[in-house]
PDB file of N, CA and C in Angstrom:
ATOM      1  N   UNK A   1       8.015-136.874 -57.149  1.00  0.00           N
ATOM      2  CA  UNK A   1       9.068-137.594 -56.492  1.00  0.00           C
ATOM      3  C   UNK A   1       8.382-137.864 -55.032  1.00  0.00           C
ATOM      4  N   UNK A   2       7.707-135.664 -55.091  1.00  0.00           N
ATOM      5  CA  UNK A   2       7.527-135.317 -53.573  1.00  0.00           C
ATOM      6  C   UNK A   2       5.614-135.294 -53.469  1.00  0.00           C
ATOM      7  N   UNK A   3       5.512-136.100 -54.571  1.00  0.00           N
ATOM      8  CA  UNK A   3       4.103-136.041 -54.675  1.00  0.00           C
ATOM      9  C   UNK A   3       3.302-136.435 -53.776  1.00  0.00           C
ATOM     10  N   UNK A   4       3.601-136.862 -52.262  1.00  0.00           N
ATOM     11  CA  UNK A   4       2.933-137.756 -51.221  1.00  0.00           C
ATOM     12  C   UNK A   4       3.509-136.195 -50.061  1.00  0.00           C
ATOM     13  N   UNK A   5       4.171-135.640 -50.554  1.00  0.00           N
ATOM     14  CA  UNK A   5       4.516-134.361 -49.443  1.00  0.00           C
ATOM     15  C   UNK A   5       3.647-133.243 -49.071  1.00  0.00           C
ATOM     16  N   UNK A   6       3.574-132.699 -47.941  1.00  0.00           N
ATOM     17  CA  UNK A   6       2.397-131.687 -48.263  1.00  0.00           C
ATOM     18  C   UNK A   6       3.754-130.644 -48.456  1.00  0.00           C
ATOM     19  N   UNK A   7       2.910-129.010 -48.319  1.00  0.00           N
ATOM     20  CA  UNK A   7       4.280-127.610 -47.992  1.00  0.00           C
ATOM     21  C   UNK A   7       4.530-127.643 -46.443  1.00  0.00           C
ATOM     22  N   UNK A   8       3.976-128.092 -45.246  1.00  0.00           N
ATOM     23  CA  UNK A   8       4.791-128.125 -43.979  1.00  0.00           C
ATOM     24  C   UNK A   8       5.497-129.490 -43.849  1.00  0.00           C
ATOM     25  N   UNK A   9       5.325-130.276 -44.235  1.00  0.00           N
ATOM     26  CA  UNK A   9       6.392-131.711 -44.474  1.00  0.00           C
ATOM     27  C   UNK A   9       7.554-131.169 -44.938  1.00  0.00           C
ATOM     28  N   UNK A  10       7.540-130.716 -46.178  1.00  0.00           N
ATOM     29  CA  UNK A  10       8.819-129.969 -47.275  1.00  0.00           C
ATOM     30  C   UNK A  10       8.968-128.480 -46.087  1.00  0.00           C
ATOM     31  N   UNK A  11       8.612-127.611 -45.202  1.00  0.00           N
ATOM     32  CA  UNK A  11       9.314-126.888 -44.718  1.00  0.00           C
ATOM     33  C   UNK A  11      10.242-127.742 -43.172  1.00  0.00           C
ATOM     34  N   UNK A  12       9.195-128.598 -43.224  1.00  0.00           N
ATOM     35  CA  UNK A  12      10.119-129.116 -41.380  1.00  0.00           C
ATOM     36  C   UNK A  12      11.286-129.860 -42.071  1.00  0.00           C
ATOM     37  N   UNK A  13      11.333-130.444 -43.372  1.00  0.00           N
ATOM     38  CA  UNK A  13      12.802-130.997 -43.385  1.00  0.00           C
ATOM     39  C   UNK A  13      13.671-129.794 -43.926  1.00  0.00           C
ATOM     40  N   UNK A  14      13.392-129.131 -44.761  1.00  0.00           N
ATOM     41  CA  UNK A  14      13.740-128.079 -44.373  1.00  0.00           C
ATOM     42  C   UNK A  14      14.807-127.956 -43.396  1.00  0.00           C
ATOM     43  N   UNK A  15      14.010-127.369 -42.853  1.00  0.00           N
ATOM     44  CA  UNK A  15      14.062-126.787 -41.402  1.00  0.00           C
ATOM     45  C   UNK A  15      14.961-127.386 -40.589  1.00  0.00           C
ATOM     46  N   UNK A  16      14.819-128.712 -40.543  1.00  0.00           N
ATOM     47  CA  UNK A  16      16.411-130.216 -40.102  1.00  0.00           C
ATOM     48  C   UNK A  16      16.697-129.801 -40.589  1.00  0.00           C
ATOM     49  N   UNK A  17      17.120-130.248 -41.751  1.00  0.00           N
ATOM     50  CA  UNK A  17      18.026-129.859 -42.544  1.00  0.00           C
ATOM     51  C   UNK A  17      19.320-128.853 -42.030  1.00  0.00           C
ATOM     52  N   UNK A  18      18.226-127.819 -42.076  1.00  0.00           N
ATOM     53  CA  UNK A  18      19.374-126.116 -41.871  1.00  0.00           C
ATOM     54  C   UNK A  18      20.526-126.370 -40.240  1.00  0.00           C
ATOM     55  N   UNK A  19      19.545-127.173 -39.791  1.00  0.00           N
ATOM     56  CA  UNK A  19      19.931-126.526 -38.439  1.00  0.00           C
ATOM     57  C   UNK A  19      20.797-127.568 -38.455  1.00  0.00           C
ATOM     58  N   UNK A  20      20.655-128.841 -39.190  1.00  0.00           N
ATOM     59  CA  UNK A  20      21.553-130.401 -38.401  1.00  0.00           C
ATOM     60  C   UNK A  20      23.284-130.123 -39.170  1.00  0.00           C
ATOM     61  N   UNK A  21      22.761-129.668 -40.347  1.00  0.00           N
ATOM     62  CA  UNK A  21      23.820-129.751 -41.416  1.00  0.00           C
ATOM     63  C   UNK A  21      24.119-128.312 -41.036  1.00  0.00           C
ATOM     64  N   UNK A  22      23.716-127.041 -41.047  1.00  0.00           N
ATOM     65  CA  UNK A  22      24.545-126.018 -40.807  1.00  0.00           C
ATOM     66  C   UNK A  22      24.306-125.409 -42.421  1.00  0.00           C
ATOM     67  N   UNK A  23      24.425-123.724 -42.187  1.00  0.00           N
ATOM     68  CA  UNK A  23      24.108-123.170 -43.134  1.00  0.00           C
ATOM     69  C   UNK A  23      25.334-122.768 -43.980  1.00  0.00           C
ATOM     70  N   UNK A  24      26.693-122.986 -43.517  1.00  0.00           N
ATOM     71  CA  UNK A  24      27.731-123.039 -44.010  1.00  0.00           C
ATOM     72  C   UNK A  24      28.219-124.361 -45.345  1.00  0.00           C
ATOM     73  N   UNK A  25      27.842-125.388 -44.668  1.00  0.00           N
ATOM     74  CA  UNK A  25      27.387-126.264 -45.454  1.00  0.00           C
ATOM     75  C   UNK A  25      26.350-127.356 -46.209  1.00  0.00           C
ATOM     76  N   UNK A  26      25.525-126.595 -46.233  1.00  0.00           N
ATOM     77  CA  UNK A  26      23.919-126.285 -46.728  1.00  0.00           C
ATOM     78  C   UNK A  26      24.077-126.485 -48.058  1.00  0.00           C
ATOM     79  N   UNK A  27      24.834-125.321 -48.528  1.00  0.00           N
ATOM     80  CA  UNK A  27      25.109-125.547 -50.008  1.00  0.00           C
ATOM     81  C   UNK A  27      26.076-126.351 -50.966  1.00  0.00           C
ATOM     82  N   UNK A  28      27.440-127.083 -50.519  1.00  0.00           N
ATOM     83  CA  UNK A  28      27.943-128.203 -50.189  1.00  0.00           C
ATOM     84  C   UNK A  28      27.116-129.408 -50.500  1.00  0.00           C
ATOM     85  N   UNK A  29      26.138-129.287 -49.232  1.00  0.00           N
ATOM     86  CA  UNK A  29      25.758-130.915 -49.366  1.00  0.00           C
ATOM     87  C   UNK A  29      25.091-131.197 -49.955  1.00  0.00           C
ATOM     88  N   UNK A  30      23.970-129.758 -50.649  1.00  0.00           N
ATOM     89  CA  UNK A  30      22.817-129.938 -52.424  1.00  0.00           C
ATOM     90  C   UNK A  30      23.597-130.921 -53.120  1.00  0.00           C
ATOM     91  N   UNK A  31      24.953-129.414 -53.646  1.00  0.00           N
ATOM     92  CA  UNK A  31      25.403-129.843 -54.359  1.00  0.00           C
ATOM     93  C   UNK A  31      25.530-131.325 -54.178  1.00  0.00           C
ATOM     94  N   UNK A  32      26.756-131.655 -53.790  1.00  0.00           N
ATOM     95  CA  UNK A  32      26.889-133.154 -54.001  1.00  0.00           C
ATOM     96  C   UNK A  32      25.499-134.361 -53.766  1.00  0.00           C
ATOM     97  N   UNK A  33      24.512-133.805 -52.906  1.00  0.00           N
ATOM     98  CA  UNK A  33      23.179-134.685 -53.167  1.00  0.00           C
ATOM     99  C   UNK A  33      22.777-134.329 -54.852  1.00  0.00           C
ATOM    100  N   UNK A  34      22.614-133.359 -54.898  1.00  0.00           N
ATOM    101  CA  UNK A  34      22.363-133.484 -56.194  1.00  0.00           C
ATOM    102  C   UNK A  34      23.339-134.337 -57.624  1.00  0.00           C
ATOM    103  N   UNK A  35      24.044-134.317 -57.168  1.00  0.00           N
ATOM    104  CA  UNK A  35      25.008-134.533 -57.775  1.00  0.00           C
ATOM    105  C   UNK A  35      24.755-136.507 -58.176  1.00  0.00           C
ATOM    106  N   UNK A  36      24.631-137.219 -56.715  1.00  0.00           N
ATOM    107  CA  UNK A  36      24.149-138.317 -56.579  1.00  0.00           C
ATOM    108  C   UNK A  36      22.306-138.696 -56.886  1.00  0.00           C
ATOM    109  N   UNK A  37      22.159-138.264 -57.206  1.00  0.00           N
ATOM    110  CA  UNK A  37      20.704-137.803 -57.574  1.00  0.00           C
ATOM    111  C   UNK A  37      20.976-137.897 -59.486  1.00  0.00           C
ATOM    112  N   UNK A  38      21.390-137.724 -59.558  1.00  0.00           N
ATOM    113  CA  UNK A  38      21.648-137.562 -60.488  1.00  0.00           C
ATOM    114  C   UNK A  38      22.156-138.757 -61.546  1.00  0.00           C
ATOM    115  N   UNK A  39      23.677-139.209 -60.858  1.00  0.00           N
ATOM    116  CA  UNK A  39      24.350-140.932 -61.080  1.00  0.00           C
ATOM    117  C   UNK A  39      23.068-141.413 -60.838  1.00  0.00           C
ATOM    118  N   UNK A  40      22.578-141.800 -59.192  1.00  0.00           N
ATOM    119  CA  UNK A  40      21.261-143.052 -59.876  1.00  0.00           C
ATOM    120  C   UNK A  40      20.907-142.590 -60.889  1.00  0.00           C
ATOM    121  N   UNK A  41      19.919-141.300 -61.234  1.00  0.00           N
ATOM    122  CA  UNK A  41      19.178-141.490 -62.515  1.00  0.00           C
ATOM    123  C   UNK A  41      19.758-141.748 -63.395  1.00  0.00           C
ATOM    124  N   UNK A  42      20.682-141.642 -64.149  1.00  0.00           N
ATOM    125  CA  UNK A  42      21.427-142.266 -64.985  1.00  0.00           C
ATOM    126  C   UNK A  42      21.791-143.594 -65.429  1.00  0.00           C
ATOM    127  N   UNK A  43      21.861-143.882 -64.326  1.00  0.00           N
ATOM    128  CA  UNK A  43      22.505-145.408 -63.869  1.00  0.00           C
ATOM    129  C   UNK A  43      21.036-146.517 -63.916  1.00  0.00           C
ATOM    130  N   UNK A  44      19.838-146.494 -63.428  1.00  0.00           N
ATOM    131  CA  UNK A  44      18.763-146.379 -63.027  1.00  0.00           C
ATOM    132  C   UNK A  44      18.206-146.313 -65.345  1.00  0.00           C
ATOM    133  N   UNK A  45      18.555-145.415 -65.487  1.00  0.00           N
ATOM    134  CA  UNK A  45      18.158-145.016 -67.620  1.00  0.00           C
ATOM    135  C   UNK A  45      18.607-145.917 -67.883  1.00  0.00           C
ATOM    136  N   UNK A  46      20.194-146.254 -68.097  1.00  0.00           N
ATOM    137  CA  UNK A  46      21.221-146.805 -68.689  1.00  0.00           C
ATOM    138  C   UNK A  46      20.590-148.312 -68.587  1.00  0.00           C
ATOM    139  N   UNK A  47      20.312-148.730 -67.215  1.00  0.00           N
ATOM    140  CA  UNK A  47      19.544-150.341 -66.620  1.00  0.00           C
ATOM    141  C   UNK A  47      18.251-150.707 -67.633  1.00  0.00           C
ATOM    142  N   UNK A  48      17.609-149.215 -67.382  1.00  0.00           N
ATOM    143  CA  UNK A  48      16.343-150.065 -68.586  1.00  0.00           C
ATOM    144  C   UNK A  48      16.269-149.381 -70.369  1.00  0.00           C
ATOM    145  N   UNK A  49      17.231-148.884 -70.507  1.00  0.00           N
ATOM    146  CA  UNK A  49      17.395-149.236 -72.036  1.00  0.00           C
ATOM    147  C   UNK A  49      18.003-150.706 -72.306  1.00  0.00           C
ATOM    148  N   UNK A  50      19.207-150.794 -71.389  1.00  0.00           N
ATOM    149  CA  UNK A  50      19.558-152.840 -71.415  1.00  0.00           C
ATOM    150  C   UNK A  50      18.844-153.624 -70.777  1.00  0.00           C
ATOM    151  N   UNK A  51      17.530-153.669 -70.604  1.00  0.00           N
ATOM    152  CA  UNK A  51      16.676-154.333 -70.129  1.00  0.00           C
ATOM    153  C   UNK A  51      15.852-154.641 -71.342  1.00  0.00           C
ATOM    154  N   UNK A  52      15.586-153.405 -72.591  1.00  0.00           N
ATOM    155  CA  UNK A  52      14.495-153.364 -72.737  1.00  0.00           C
ATOM    156  C   UNK A  52      15.010-153.459 -74.273  1.00  0.00           C
ATOM    157  N   UNK A  53      16.904-153.593 -74.374  1.00  0.00           N
ATOM    158  CA  UNK A  53      17.565-154.139 -75.644  1.00  0.00           C
ATOM    159  C   UNK A  53      17.413-155.638 -75.290  1.00  0.00           C
ATOM    160  N   UNK A  54      17.993-156.529 -74.466  1.00  0.00           N
ATOM    161  CA  UNK A  54      17.817-157.790 -73.660  1.00  0.00           C
ATOM    162  C   UNK A  54      15.899-158.173 -74.347  1.00  0.00           C
ATOM    163  N   UNK A  55      15.591-158.086 -73.344  1.00  0.00           N
ATOM    164  CA  UNK A  55      14.349-158.853 -74.241  1.00  0.00           C
ATOM    165  C   UNK A  55      13.316-158.089 -75.389  1.00  0.00           C
ATOM    166  N   UNK A  56      13.618-157.449 -76.072  1.00  0.00           N
ATOM    167  CA  UNK A  56      13.576-157.189 -77.377  1.00  0.00           C
ATOM    168  C   UNK A  56      12.462-156.245 -77.245  1.00  0.00           C
ATOM    169  N   UNK A  57      12.439-155.326 -76.480  1.00  0.00           N
ATOM    170  CA  UNK A  57      11.033-153.964 -76.569  1.00  0.00           C
ATOM    171  C   UNK A  57      11.094-153.920 -78.162  1.00  0.00           C
ATOM    172  N   UNK A  58      12.075-153.517 -79.034  1.00  0.00           N
ATOM    173  CA  UNK A  58      11.243-152.788 -79.823  1.00  0.00           C
ATOM    174  C   UNK A  58      10.577-153.071 -80.722  1.00  0.00           C
ATOM    175  N   UNK A  59      11.250-154.539 -80.831  1.00  0.00           N
ATOM    176  CA  UNK A  59      10.145-155.776 -81.073  1.00  0.00           C
ATOM    177  C   UNK A  59       9.085-155.844 -81.049  1.00  0.00           C
ATOM    178  N   UNK A  60       9.158-156.013 -79.746  1.00  0.00           N
ATOM    179  CA  UNK A  60       7.477-156.042 -78.686  1.00  0.00           C
ATOM    180  C   UNK A  60       6.603-155.193 -79.214  1.00  0.00           C
ATOM    181  N   UNK A  61       7.531-153.712 -79.299  1.00  0.00           N
ATOM    182  CA  UNK A  61       6.863-152.121 -80.108  1.00  0.00           C
ATOM    183  C   UNK A  61       6.231-152.212 -81.172  1.00  0.00           C
ATOM    184  N   UNK A  62       7.245-152.863 -82.269  1.00  0.00           N
ATOM    185  CA  UNK A  62       6.524-152.992 -83.448  1.00  0.00           C
ATOM    186  C   UNK A  62       5.818-153.743 -83.830  1.00  0.00           C
ATOM    187  N   UNK A  63       5.305-154.848 -83.085  1.00  0.00           N
ATOM    188  CA  UNK A  63       4.457-156.027 -83.448  1.00  0.00           C
ATOM    189  C   UNK A  63       2.753-155.440 -83.240  1.00  0.00           C
ATOM    190  N   UNK A  64       3.270-154.447 -81.757  1.00  0.00           N
ATOM    191  CA  UNK A  64       2.266-153.937 -80.795  1.00  0.00           C
ATOM    192  C   UNK A  64       1.289-152.414 -82.252  1.00  0.00           C
ATOM    193  N   UNK A  65       2.026-152.124 -82.805  1.00  0.00           N
ATOM    194  CA  UNK A  65       2.291-151.173 -83.355  1.00  0.00           C
ATOM    195  C   UNK A  65       1.254-151.492 -84.770  1.00  0.00           C
ATOM    196  N   UNK A  66       2.323-152.204 -85.824  1.00  0.00           N
ATOM    197  CA  UNK A  66       1.655-153.381 -86.475  1.00  0.00           C
ATOM    198  C   UNK A  66      -0.409-153.883 -86.718  1.00  0.00           C
ATOM    199  N   UNK A  67      -0.464-154.277 -85.301  1.00  0.00           N
ATOM    200  CA  UNK A  67      -1.208-155.176 -84.962  1.00  0.00           C
ATOM    201  C   UNK A  67      -2.515-153.736 -85.226  1.00  0.00           C
ATOM    202  N   UNK A  68      -2.663-153.080 -83.923  1.00  0.00           N
ATOM    203  CA  UNK A  68      -3.172-151.805 -83.767  1.00  0.00           C
ATOM    204  C   UNK A  68      -3.497-150.395 -85.073  1.00  0.00           C
ATOM    205  N   UNK A  69      -2.478-150.959 -86.405  1.00  0.00           N
ATOM    206  CA  UNK A  69      -2.476-150.368 -87.626  1.00  0.00           C
ATOM    207  C   UNK A  69      -3.242-151.625 -88.302  1.00  0.00           C
ATOM    208  N   UNK A  70      -2.955-152.778 -88.280  1.00  0.00           N
ATOM    209  CA  UNK A  70      -4.244-153.509 -89.557  1.00  0.00           C
ATOM    210  C   UNK A  70      -6.042-153.440 -88.665  1.00  0.00           C
ATOM    211  N   UNK A  71      -5.868-153.066 -87.190  1.00  0.00           N
ATOM    212  CA  UNK A  71      -7.104-153.255 -86.424  1.00  0.00           C
ATOM    213  C   UNK A  71      -8.016-152.231 -86.962  1.00  0.00           C
ATOM    214  N   UNK A  72      -7.087-150.992 -87.370  1.00  0.00           N
ATOM    215  CA  UNK A  72      -7.212-150.200 -87.773  1.00  0.00           C
ATOM    216  C   UNK A  72      -8.614-149.814 -89.180  1.00  0.00           C
ATOM    217  N   UNK A  73      -7.047-150.770 -90.358  1.00  0.00           N
ATOM    218  CA  UNK A  73      -7.521-150.684 -91.427  1.00  0.00           C
ATOM    219  C   UNK A  73      -8.890-151.434 -91.534  1.00  0.00           C
ATOM    220  N   UNK A  74      -8.774-152.263 -90.794  1.00  0.00           N
ATOM    221  CA  UNK A  74     -10.311-153.827 -90.465  1.00  0.00           C
ATOM    222  C   UNK A  74     -11.889-152.493 -90.968  1.00  0.00           C
ATOM    223  N   UNK A  75     -11.063-151.842 -89.397  1.00  0.00           N
ATOM    224  CA  UNK A  75     -12.596-150.954 -88.839  1.00  0.00           C
ATOM    225  C   UNK A  75     -12.114-149.789 -90.288  1.00  0.00           C
ATOM    226  N   UNK A  76     -11.634-149.844 -90.630  1.00  0.00           N
ATOM    227  CA  UNK A  76     -11.502-148.649 -91.911  1.00  0.00           C
ATOM    228  C   UNK A  76     -12.074-149.720 -93.250  1.00  0.00           C
ATOM    229  N   UNK A  77     -11.769-150.771 -93.291  1.00  0.00           N
ATOM    230  CA  UNK A  77     -12.768-151.358 -94.368  1.00  0.00           C
ATOM    231  C   UNK A  77     -13.498-152.267 -94.799  1.00  0.00           C
ATOM    232  N   UNK A  78     -14.446-152.314 -92.901  1.00  0.00           N
ATOM    233  CA  UNK A  78     -16.115-152.119 -92.397  1.00  0.00           C
ATOM    234  C   UNK A  78     -16.652-150.820 -92.815  1.00  0.00           C
ATOM    235  N   UNK A  79     -15.752-149.981 -92.325  1.00  0.00           N
ATOM    236  CA  UNK A  79     -17.163-148.784 -92.384  1.00  0.00           C
ATOM    237  C   UNK A  79     -16.751-148.514 -93.984  1.00  0.00           C
ATOM    238  N   UNK A  80     -16.182-149.058 -94.957  1.00  0.00           N
ATOM    239  CA  UNK A  80     -16.606-148.447 -96.247  1.00  0.00           C
ATOM    240  C   UNK A  80     -17.138-149.599 -97.046  1.00  0.00           C
ATOM    241  N   UNK A  81     -17.446-150.764 -96.604  1.00  0.00           N
ATOM    242  CA  UNK A  81     -18.831-152.049 -97.266  1.00  0.00           C
ATOM    243  C   UNK A  81     -20.059-151.751 -96.661  1.00  0.00           C
ATOM    244  N   UNK A  82     -19.655-150.938 -95.339  1.00  0.00           N
ATOM    245  CA  UNK A  82     -20.925-150.724 -95.088  1.00  0.00           C
ATOM    246  C   UNK A  82     -21.642-149.186 -95.354  1.00  0.00           C
ATOM    247  N   UNK A  83     -20.927-148.585 -95.543  1.00  0.00           N
ATOM    248  CA  UNK A  83     -21.254-146.962 -96.544  1.00  0.00           C
ATOM    249  C   UNK A  83     -22.039-147.496 -97.833  1.00  0.00           C
ATOM    250  N   UNK A  84     -20.559-148.599 -98.890  1.00  0.00           N
ATOM    251  CA  UNK A  84     -20.973-148.745 -99.773  1.00  0.00           C
ATOM    252  C   UNK A  84     -22.803-149.528-100.048  1.00  0.00           C
ATOM    253  N   UNK A  85     -22.664-150.548 -99.590  1.00  0.00           N
ATOM    254  CA  UNK A  85     -23.396-151.562 -98.598  1.00  0.00           C
ATOM    255  C   UNK A  85     -24.024-151.686 -97.555  1.00  0.00           C
ATOM    256  N   UNK A  86     -24.894-150.558 -97.192  1.00  0.00           N
ATOM    257  CA  UNK A  86     -25.479-150.683 -95.975  1.00  0.00           C
ATOM    258  C   UNK A  86     -26.705-152.092 -95.872  1.00  0.00           C
ATOM    259  N   UNK A  87     -26.395-152.225 -94.582  1.00  0.00           N
ATOM    260  CA  UNK A  87     -26.974-153.764 -93.845  1.00  0.00           C
ATOM    261  C   UNK A  87     -28.567-153.187 -93.698  1.00  0.00           C
ATOM    262  N   UNK A  88     -28.891-154.984 -93.911  1.00  0.00           N
ATOM    263  CA  UNK A  88     -30.316-154.716 -94.239  1.00  0.00           C
ATOM    264  C   UNK A  88     -31.352-154.353 -92.999  1.00  0.00           C
ATOM    265  N   UNK A  89     -31.787-153.506 -94.049  1.00  0.00           N
ATOM    266  CA  UNK A  89     -32.842-152.721 -92.354  1.00  0.00           C
ATOM    267  C   UNK A  89     -34.123-153.149 -92.597  1.00  0.00           C
ATOM    268  N   UNK A  90     -35.103-153.451 -91.692  1.00  0.00           N
ATOM    269  CA  UNK A  90     -36.733-154.140 -91.495  1.00  0.00           C
ATOM    270  C   UNK A  90     -37.271-153.381 -92.055  1.00  0.00           C
ATOM    271  N   UNK A  91     -38.570-154.368 -93.328  1.00  0.00           N
ATOM    272  CA  UNK A  91     -39.634-152.857 -93.391  1.00  0.00           C
ATOM    273  C   UNK A  91     -40.050-152.753 -92.281  1.00  0.00           C
ATOM    274  N   UNK A  92     -41.113-151.163 -93.280  1.00  0.00           N
ATOM    275  CA  UNK A  92     -41.869-150.936 -92.001  1.00  0.00           C
ATOM    276  C   UNK A  92     -43.150-151.463 -91.334  1.00  0.00           C
ATOM    277  N   UNK A  93     -43.429-151.605 -89.991  1.00  0.00           N
ATOM    278  CA  UNK A  93     -45.011-152.415 -90.236  1.00  0.00           C
ATOM    279  C   UNK A  93     -46.035-151.317 -90.608  1.00  0.00           C
ATOM    280  N   UNK A  94     -47.749-152.499 -90.338  1.00  0.00           N
ATOM    281  CA  UNK A  94     -48.475-150.920 -90.710  1.00  0.00           C
ATOM    282  C   UNK A  94     -48.265-149.613 -90.134  1.00  0.00           C
ATOM    283  N   UNK A  95     -48.109-149.983 -88.958  1.00  0.00           N
ATOM    284  CA  UNK A  95     -48.924-148.891 -88.006  1.00  0.00           C
ATOM    285  C   UNK A  95     -47.302-147.701 -88.481  1.00  0.00           C
ATOM    286  N   UNK A  96     -46.373-147.933 -88.711  1.00  0.00           N
ATOM    287  CA  UNK A  96     -45.406-146.480 -88.761  1.00  0.00           C
ATOM    288  C   UNK A  96     -45.997-146.357 -90.058  1.00  0.00           C
ATOM    289  N   UNK A  97     -45.482-145.212 -90.269  1.00  0.00           N
ATOM    290  CA  UNK A  97     -45.787-144.135 -91.257  1.00  0.00           C
ATOM    291  C   UNK A  97     -44.939-142.880 -91.157  1.00  0.00           C
ATOM    292  N   UNK A  98     -44.994-142.893 -92.669  1.00  0.00           N
ATOM    293  CA  UNK A  98     -43.069-141.857 -93.146  1.00  0.00           C
ATOM    294  C   UNK A  98     -44.014-141.037 -93.602  1.00  0.00           C
ATOM    295  N   UNK A  99     -44.034-139.695 -92.615  1.00  0.00           N
ATOM    296  CA  UNK A  99     -44.163-138.816 -94.082  1.00  0.00           C
ATOM    297  C   UNK A  99     -43.485-137.987 -95.184  1.00  0.00           C
ATOM    298  N   UNK A 100     -42.514-138.563 -95.251  1.00  0.00           N
ATOM    299  CA  UNK A 100     -41.555-138.630 -96.554  1.00  0.00           C
ATOM    300  C   UNK A 100     -42.006-139.431 -97.695  1.00  0.00           C
ATOM    301  N   UNK A 101     -42.155-140.647 -97.083  1.00  0.00           N
ATOM    302  CA  UNK A 101     -42.790-141.372 -98.232  1.00  0.00           C
ATOM    303  C   UNK A 101     -44.276-140.851 -98.775  1.00  0.00           C
ATOM    304  N   UNK A 102     -44.924-140.198 -98.338  1.00  0.00           N
ATOM    305  CA  UNK A 102     -46.451-139.906 -98.610  1.00  0.00           C
ATOM    306  C   UNK A 102     -45.468-138.743 -99.584  1.00  0.00           C
ATOM    307  N   UNK A 103     -44.825-138.075 -99.089  1.00  0.00           N
ATOM    308  CA  UNK A 103     -44.703-136.847 -99.929  1.00  0.00           C
ATOM    309  C   UNK A 103     -44.386-136.752-101.705  1.00  0.00           C
ATOM    310  N   UNK A 104     -43.537-138.386-101.110  1.00  0.00           N
ATOM    311  CA  UNK A 104     -42.860-138.588-102.637  1.00  0.00           C
ATOM    312  C   UNK A 104     -43.968-139.202-103.658  1.00  0.00           C
ATOM    313  N   UNK A 105     -44.817-139.704-103.088  1.00  0.00           N
ATOM    314  CA  UNK A 105     -46.124-140.465-103.448  1.00  0.00           C
ATOM    315  C   UNK A 105     -46.710-139.546-104.654  1.00  0.00           C
ATOM    316  N   UNK A 106     -47.052-138.721-103.855  1.00  0.00           N
ATOM    317  CA  UNK A 106     -48.102-137.735-104.327  1.00  0.00           C
ATOM    318  C   UNK A 106     -47.366-136.783-105.207  1.00  0.00           C
ATOM    319  N   UNK A 107     -46.126-136.187-105.022  1.00  0.00           N
ATOM    320  CA  UNK A 107     -45.650-135.360-105.977  1.00  0.00           C
ATOM    321  C   UNK A 107     -45.173-136.245-107.136  1.00  0.00           C
ATOM    322  N   UNK A 108     -44.710-137.494-107.637  1.00  0.00           N
ATOM    323  CA  UNK A 108     -44.585-138.184-107.926  1.00  0.00           C
ATOM    324  C   UNK A 108     -45.966-138.454-109.453  1.00  0.00           C
ATOM    325  N   UNK A 109     -47.401-137.942-108.703  1.00  0.00           N
ATOM    326  CA  UNK A 109     -48.246-138.508-109.397  1.00  0.00           C
ATOM    327  C   UNK A 109     -48.899-136.677-109.968  1.00  0.00           C
ATOM    328  N   UNK A 110     -48.059-135.348-109.511  1.00  0.00           N
ATOM    329  CA  UNK A 110     -48.806-134.303-110.059  1.00  0.00           C
ATOM    330  C   UNK A 110     -47.510-133.573-111.206  1.00  0.00           C
ATOM    331  N   UNK A 111     -48.023-133.294-111.884  1.00  0.00           N
ATOM    332  CA  UNK A 111     -47.322-132.992-113.126  1.00  0.00           C
ATOM    333  C   UNK A 111     -46.384-131.538-112.958  1.00  0.00           C
TER     334      UNK A 111
END
């Protein structure tokens, strides 16, 4: 709420409030202000819950959750398919040499 205020602005507000209201009535004023802020906050919270119920936010959240779960399941299924049967890899060209393949052929010929 006070994220845009710096420390100097807050000090100025406190000083002006103390001068205008006075030190005798300041605690009572702050208590009353706190009560009003609490009432307004509860009122907005109740309105938010009522609006969410009216537009069916639970159904929307449930549907979004189900869609994300289905997308995750599809991704897992694709990963499993690629692990079992990897995509086709192009054959190496003449200029490509694979040192592992040379070792495999020479070790296969030796007893």
